[in-house]
Amino acid sequence: MNEAKSRTENAKAIKHCLDYLAKEARQSDLRELAELIEVAGLAAEDASETVH
C-alpha cells in the first residue's frame, strides 16, 4: 500500500511540474508544445487517481 501511495504522490508531483512547463510554453508562444505537455499532464493526473 505504501508503494501505491508513493506512486500517487509521484504522479501528482509530475502533474504539477507539467502544469508549470505548459504555462511557460504558452507564455513563450509555444502552443503546440504546451498542448503536448498538457496531454502528458492529463496522463499524470489519471495515474495519480489510479488505485492499485
Protein backbone atom coordinates (compact mmCIF):
# COMPACT_ATOMS: atom_id res chain seq x y z
CA MET A 1 0.00 0.00 0.00
CA ASN A 2 2.88 2.38 0.70
CA GLU A 3 4.18 1.81 -2.81
CA ALA A 4 0.83 2.79 -4.34
CA LYS A 5 0.72 5.95 -2.20
CA SER A 6 4.26 6.83 -3.26
CA ARG A 7 3.35 6.36 -6.92
CA THR A 8 0.31 8.57 -6.48
CA GLU A 9 2.40 11.28 -4.85
CA ASN A 10 5.00 11.00 -7.62
CA ALA A 11 2.31 11.29 -10.30
CA LYS A 12 0.90 14.38 -8.59
CA ALA A 13 4.38 15.94 -8.46
CA ILE A 14 4.89 15.17 -12.15
CA LYS A 15 1.50 16.75 -12.93
CA HIS A 16 2.49 19.88 -11.02
CA CYS A 17 5.76 20.16 -12.98
CA LEU A 18 3.99 19.58 -16.29
CA ASP A 19 1.42 22.25 -15.48
CA TYR A 20 4.25 24.70 -14.85
CA LEU A 21 6.01 23.74 -18.10
CA ALA A 22 2.78 24.10 -20.07
CA LYS A 23 2.24 27.56 -18.60
CA GLU A 24 5.78 28.59 -19.53
CA ALA A 25 5.37 27.19 -23.05
CA ARG A 26 2.13 29.14 -23.55
CA GLN A 27 3.76 32.34 -22.32
CA SER A 28 6.61 31.76 -24.78
CA ASP A 29 4.06 31.30 -27.61
CA LEU A 30 4.93 27.62 -27.98
CA ARG A 31 1.34 26.47 -28.23
CA GLU A 32 1.97 23.05 -29.77
CA LEU A 33 4.48 22.24 -27.05
CA ALA A 34 2.04 23.47 -24.41
CA GLU A 35 -0.66 21.17 -25.79
CA LEU A 36 1.65 18.14 -25.71
CA ILE A 37 2.68 18.95 -22.15
CA GLU A 38 -0.98 19.32 -21.16
CA VAL A 39 -1.76 15.86 -22.57
CA ALA A 40 1.12 14.43 -20.55
CA GLY A 41 -0.25 16.25 -17.52
CA LEU A 42 -3.65 14.64 -18.01
CA ALA A 43 -1.98 11.24 -18.14
CA ALA A 44 -0.14 12.01 -14.90
CA GLU A 45 -3.40 13.14 -13.32
CA ASP A 46 -5.07 9.88 -14.36
CA ALA A 47 -2.15 7.93 -12.92
CA SER A 48 -2.41 9.80 -9.62
CA GLU A 49 -6.06 8.74 -9.29
CA THR A 50 -5.48 5.07 -10.12
CA VAL A 51 -5.73 2.82 -7.09
CA HIS A 52 -3.79 -0.45 -7.24
